[in-house]
Amino acid sequence: MSNKTRNILKITAIILVVLTLLMQFHLIAIPAIAGYKYWIVVVSFGLLLIAGK
């Protein structure tokens, strides 16, 4: 896996966690994924594990 791919996975994970935090603090509302906040964080953690060397 190239460094570019790793960086893209890390950035994606960070964006997902920030999105979840904003939803948790009621700063944004996306009703379609509101029930999956926990799983979004789990997927983000998995992406970081995959991107690790």
PDB file of N, CA and C in Angstrom:
ATOM      1  N   MET A   1       0.863  -1.165   0.000  1.00  0.00           N
ATOM      2  CA  MET A   1       0.000   0.000   0.000  1.00  0.00           C
ATOM      3  C   MET A   1       0.916   1.237   0.000  1.00  0.00           C
ATOM      4  N   SER A   2       0.619   2.159  -0.886  1.00  0.00           N
ATOM      5  CA  SER A   2       1.458   3.350  -1.004  1.00  0.00           C
ATOM      6  C   SER A   2       1.150   4.365   0.102  1.00  0.00           C
ATOM      7  N   ASN A   3       2.058   5.291   0.278  1.00  0.00           N
ATOM      8  CA  ASN A   3       1.871   6.328   1.296  1.00  0.00           C
ATOM      9  C   ASN A   3       0.681   7.212   0.980  1.00  0.00           C
ATOM     10  N   LYS A   4       0.428   7.434  -0.297  1.00  0.00           N
ATOM     11  CA  LYS A   4      -0.726   8.262  -0.692  1.00  0.00           C
ATOM     12  C   LYS A   4      -2.028   7.600  -0.251  1.00  0.00           C
ATOM     13  N   THR A   5      -2.119   6.293  -0.443  1.00  0.00           N
ATOM     14  CA  THR A   5      -3.314   5.559  -0.039  1.00  0.00           C
ATOM     15  C   THR A   5      -3.482   5.590   1.474  1.00  0.00           C
ATOM     16  N   ARG A   6      -2.379   5.424   2.196  1.00  0.00           N
ATOM     17  CA  ARG A   6      -2.435   5.485   3.661  1.00  0.00           C
ATOM     18  C   ARG A   6      -2.922   6.854   4.133  1.00  0.00           C
ATOM     19  N   ASN A   7      -2.404   7.904   3.515  1.00  0.00           N
ATOM     20  CA  ASN A   7      -2.811   9.253   3.900  1.00  0.00           C
ATOM     21  C   ASN A   7      -4.283   9.500   3.608  1.00  0.00           C
ATOM     22  N   ILE A   8      -4.773   8.988   2.500  1.00  0.00           N
ATOM     23  CA  ILE A   8      -6.193   9.137   2.158  1.00  0.00           C
ATOM     24  C   ILE A   8      -7.062   8.414   3.179  1.00  0.00           C
ATOM     25  N   LEU A   9      -6.652   7.208   3.588  1.00  0.00           N
ATOM     26  CA  LEU A   9      -7.415   6.458   4.597  1.00  0.00           C
ATOM     27  C   LEU A   9      -7.421   7.189   5.938  1.00  0.00           C
ATOM     28  N   LYS A  10      -6.278   7.751   6.321  1.00  0.00           N
ATOM     29  CA  LYS A  10      -6.207   8.488   7.583  1.00  0.00           C
ATOM     30  C   LYS A  10      -7.082   9.737   7.549  1.00  0.00           C
ATOM     31  N   ILE A  11      -7.037  10.465   6.458  1.00  0.00           N
ATOM     32  CA  ILE A  11      -7.860  11.673   6.327  1.00  0.00           C
ATOM     33  C   ILE A  11      -9.337  11.317   6.350  1.00  0.00           C
ATOM     34  N   THR A  12      -9.707  10.224   5.683  1.00  0.00           N
ATOM     35  CA  THR A  12     -11.099   9.776   5.683  1.00  0.00           C
ATOM     36  C   THR A  12     -11.549   9.432   7.104  1.00  0.00           C
ATOM     37  N   ALA A  13     -10.706   8.740   7.850  1.00  0.00           N
ATOM     38  CA  ALA A  13     -11.046   8.379   9.229  1.00  0.00           C
ATOM     39  C   ALA A  13     -11.225   9.622  10.088  1.00  0.00           C
ATOM     40  N   ILE A  14     -10.359  10.596   9.923  1.00  0.00           N
ATOM     41  CA  ILE A  14     -10.460  11.831  10.711  1.00  0.00           C
ATOM     42  C   ILE A  14     -11.737  12.582  10.364  1.00  0.00           C
ATOM     43  N   ILE A  15     -12.065  12.658   9.099  1.00  0.00           N
ATOM     44  CA  ILE A  15     -13.287  13.348   8.679  1.00  0.00           C
ATOM     45  C   ILE A  15     -14.522  12.653   9.257  1.00  0.00           C
ATOM     46  N   LEU A  16     -14.539  11.329   9.250  1.00  0.00           N
ATOM     47  CA  LEU A  16     -15.676  10.591   9.801  1.00  0.00           C
ATOM     48  C   LEU A  16     -15.836  10.828  11.297  1.00  0.00           C
ATOM     49  N   VAL A  17     -14.729  10.866  12.026  1.00  0.00           N
ATOM     50  CA  VAL A  17     -14.810  11.097  13.471  1.00  0.00           C
ATOM     51  C   VAL A  17     -15.271  12.516  13.760  1.00  0.00           C
ATOM     52  N   VAL A  18     -14.763  13.491  13.012  1.00  0.00           N
ATOM     53  CA  VAL A  18     -15.203  14.875  13.207  1.00  0.00           C
ATOM     54  C   VAL A  18     -16.686  15.007  12.888  1.00  0.00           C
ATOM     55  N   LEU A  19     -17.146  14.349  11.840  1.00  0.00           N
ATOM     56  CA  LEU A  19     -18.570  14.360  11.499  1.00  0.00           C
ATOM     57  C   LEU A  19     -19.401  13.785  12.641  1.00  0.00           C
ATOM     58  N   THR A  20     -18.935  12.676  13.217  1.00  0.00           N
ATOM     59  CA  THR A  20     -19.646  12.060  14.331  1.00  0.00           C
ATOM     60  C   THR A  20     -19.675  12.976  15.549  1.00  0.00           C
ATOM     61  N   LEU A  21     -18.555  13.638  15.835  1.00  0.00           N
ATOM     62  CA  LEU A  21     -18.520  14.566  16.962  1.00  0.00           C
ATOM     63  C   LEU A  21     -19.482  15.738  16.758  1.00  0.00           C
ATOM     64  N   LEU A  22     -19.515  16.276  15.567  1.00  0.00           N
ATOM     65  CA  LEU A  22     -20.432  17.378  15.286  1.00  0.00           C
ATOM     66  C   LEU A  22     -21.886  16.941  15.420  1.00  0.00           C
ATOM     67  N   MET A  23     -22.171  15.701  15.026  1.00  0.00           N
ATOM     68  CA  MET A  23     -23.522  15.186  15.192  1.00  0.00           C
ATOM     69  C   MET A  23     -23.841  14.958  16.671  1.00  0.00           C
ATOM     70  N   GLN A  24     -22.854  14.511  17.442  1.00  0.00           N
ATOM     71  CA  GLN A  24     -23.066  14.260  18.870  1.00  0.00           C
ATOM     72  C   GLN A  24     -23.353  15.560  19.622  1.00  0.00           C
ATOM     73  N   PHE A  25     -22.684  16.642  19.247  1.00  0.00           N
ATOM     74  CA  PHE A  25     -22.880  17.930  19.896  1.00  0.00           C
ATOM     75  C   PHE A  25     -24.018  18.732  19.270  1.00  0.00           C
ATOM     76  N   HIS A  26     -24.793  18.120  18.383  1.00  0.00           N
ATOM     77  CA  HIS A  26     -25.973  18.708  17.747  1.00  0.00           C
ATOM     78  C   HIS A  26     -25.652  19.980  16.967  1.00  0.00           C
ATOM     79  N   LEU A  27     -24.454  20.020  16.381  1.00  0.00           N
ATOM     80  CA  LEU A  27     -24.101  21.157  15.530  1.00  0.00           C
ATOM     81  C   LEU A  27     -24.553  20.938  14.094  1.00  0.00           C
ATOM     82  N   ILE A  28     -24.610  19.683  13.684  1.00  0.00           N
ATOM     83  CA  ILE A  28     -25.195  19.323  12.393  1.00  0.00           C
ATOM     84  C   ILE A  28     -26.126  18.142  12.629  1.00  0.00           C
ATOM     85  N   ALA A  29     -27.067  17.977  11.720  1.00  0.00           N
ATOM     86  CA  ALA A  29     -28.017  16.868  11.843  1.00  0.00           C
ATOM     87  C   ALA A  29     -28.150  16.164  10.498  1.00  0.00           C
ATOM     88  N   ILE A  30     -27.821  14.896  10.493  1.00  0.00           N
ATOM     89  CA  ILE A  30     -28.016  14.052   9.316  1.00  0.00           C
ATOM     90  C   ILE A  30     -28.850  12.864   9.784  1.00  0.00           C
ATOM     91  N   PRO A  31     -30.167  12.968   9.648  1.00  0.00           N
ATOM     92  CA  PRO A  31     -31.054  11.932  10.219  1.00  0.00           C
ATOM     93  C   PRO A  31     -30.807  10.525   9.673  1.00  0.00           C
ATOM     94  N   ALA A  32     -30.362  10.421   8.436  1.00  0.00           N
ATOM     95  CA  ALA A  32     -30.192   9.102   7.834  1.00  0.00           C
ATOM     96  C   ALA A  32     -29.091   8.283   8.511  1.00  0.00           C
ATOM     97  N   ILE A  33     -28.074   8.958   9.075  1.00  0.00           N
ATOM     98  CA  ILE A  33     -26.982   8.219   9.698  1.00  0.00           C
ATOM     99  C   ILE A  33     -26.877   8.488  11.199  1.00  0.00           C
ATOM    100  N   ALA A  34     -27.853   9.138  11.776  1.00  0.00           N
ATOM    101  CA  ALA A  34     -27.802   9.489  13.204  1.00  0.00           C
ATOM    102  C   ALA A  34     -27.742   8.240  14.089  1.00  0.00           C
ATOM    103  N   GLY A  35     -28.384   7.178  13.687  1.00  0.00           N
ATOM    104  CA  GLY A  35     -28.387   5.959  14.487  1.00  0.00           C
ATOM    105  C   GLY A  35     -27.124   5.137  14.355  1.00  0.00           C
ATOM    106  N   TYR A  36     -26.251   5.512  13.455  1.00  0.00           N
ATOM    107  CA  TYR A  36     -25.043   4.736  13.191  1.00  0.00           C
ATOM    108  C   TYR A  36     -23.771   5.443  13.640  1.00  0.00           C
ATOM    109  N   LYS A  37     -23.886   6.392  14.550  1.00  0.00           N
ATOM    110  CA  LYS A  37     -22.715   7.153  14.988  1.00  0.00           C
ATOM    111  C   LYS A  37     -21.638   6.234  15.568  1.00  0.00           C
ATOM    112  N   TYR A  38     -22.049   5.288  16.371  1.00  0.00           N
ATOM    113  CA  TYR A  38     -21.083   4.362  16.974  1.00  0.00           C
ATOM    114  C   TYR A  38     -20.340   3.573  15.896  1.00  0.00           C
ATOM    115  N   TRP A  39     -21.068   3.082  14.924  1.00  0.00           N
ATOM    116  CA  TRP A  39     -20.457   2.266  13.885  1.00  0.00           C
ATOM    117  C   TRP A  39     -19.564   3.087  12.961  1.00  0.00           C
ATOM    118  N   ILE A  40     -19.878   4.358  12.802  1.00  0.00           N
ATOM    119  CA  ILE A  40     -19.005   5.226  12.009  1.00  0.00           C
ATOM    120  C   ILE A  40     -17.649   5.352  12.700  1.00  0.00           C
ATOM    121  N   VAL A  41     -17.642   5.484  14.023  1.00  0.00           N
ATOM    122  CA  VAL A  41     -16.386   5.566  14.761  1.00  0.00           C
ATOM    123  C   VAL A  41     -15.640   4.237  14.691  1.00  0.00           C
ATOM    124  N   VAL A  42     -16.343   3.132  14.754  1.00  0.00           N
ATOM    125  CA  VAL A  42     -15.706   1.815  14.644  1.00  0.00           C
ATOM    126  C   VAL A  42     -15.056   1.653  13.267  1.00  0.00           C
ATOM    127  N   VAL A  43     -15.745   2.057  12.228  1.00  0.00           N
ATOM    128  CA  VAL A  43     -15.183   1.982  10.876  1.00  0.00           C
ATOM    129  C   VAL A  43     -13.958   2.886  10.760  1.00  0.00           C
ATOM    130  N   SER A  44     -14.017   4.058  11.361  1.00  0.00           N
ATOM    131  CA  SER A  44     -12.877   4.970  11.340  1.00  0.00           C
ATOM    132  C   SER A  44     -11.668   4.351  12.020  1.00  0.00           C
ATOM    133  N   PHE A  45     -11.881   3.719  13.160  1.00  0.00           N
ATOM    134  CA  PHE A  45     -10.791   3.044  13.856  1.00  0.00           C
ATOM    135  C   PHE A  45     -10.216   1.928  12.988  1.00  0.00           C
ATOM    136  N   GLY A  46     -11.082   1.196  12.321  1.00  0.00           N
ATOM    137  CA  GLY A  46     -10.615   0.143  11.403  1.00  0.00           C
ATOM    138  C   GLY A  46      -9.786   0.704  10.269  1.00  0.00           C
ATOM    139  N   LEU A  47     -10.209   1.845   9.730  1.00  0.00           N
ATOM    140  CA  LEU A  47      -9.422   2.479   8.664  1.00  0.00           C
ATOM    141  C   LEU A  47      -8.035   2.876   9.162  1.00  0.00           C
ATOM    142  N   LEU A  48      -7.970   3.383  10.393  1.00  0.00           N
ATOM    143  CA  LEU A  48      -6.661   3.739  10.950  1.00  0.00           C
ATOM    144  C   LEU A  48      -5.795   2.501  11.175  1.00  0.00           C
ATOM    145  N   LEU A  49      -6.409   1.385  11.573  1.00  0.00           N
ATOM    146  CA  LEU A  49      -5.640   0.145  11.732  1.00  0.00           C
ATOM    147  C   LEU A  49      -5.102  -0.339  10.396  1.00  0.00           C
ATOM    148  N   ILE A  50      -5.913  -0.236   9.363  1.00  0.00           N
ATOM    149  CA  ILE A  50      -5.480  -0.665   8.034  1.00  0.00           C
ATOM    150  C   ILE A  50      -4.371   0.241   7.515  1.00  0.00           C
ATOM    151  N   ALA A  51      -4.480   1.531   7.796  1.00  0.00           N
ATOM    152  CA  ALA A  51      -3.498   2.487   7.279  1.00  0.00           C
ATOM    153  C   ALA A  51      -2.179   2.445   8.042  1.00  0.00           C
ATOM    154  N   GLY A  52      -2.167   1.868   9.222  1.00  0.00           N
ATOM    155  CA  GLY A  52      -0.936   1.807  10.010  1.00  0.00           C
ATOM    156  C   GLY A  52       0.105   0.912   9.349  1.00  0.00           C
ATOM    157  N   LYS A  53       1.348   1.214   9.639  1.00  0.00           N
ATOM    158  CA  LYS A  53       2.422   0.413   9.027  1.00  0.00           C
ATOM    159  C   LYS A  53       2.718  -0.807   9.828  1.00  0.00           C
TER     160      LYS A  53
END
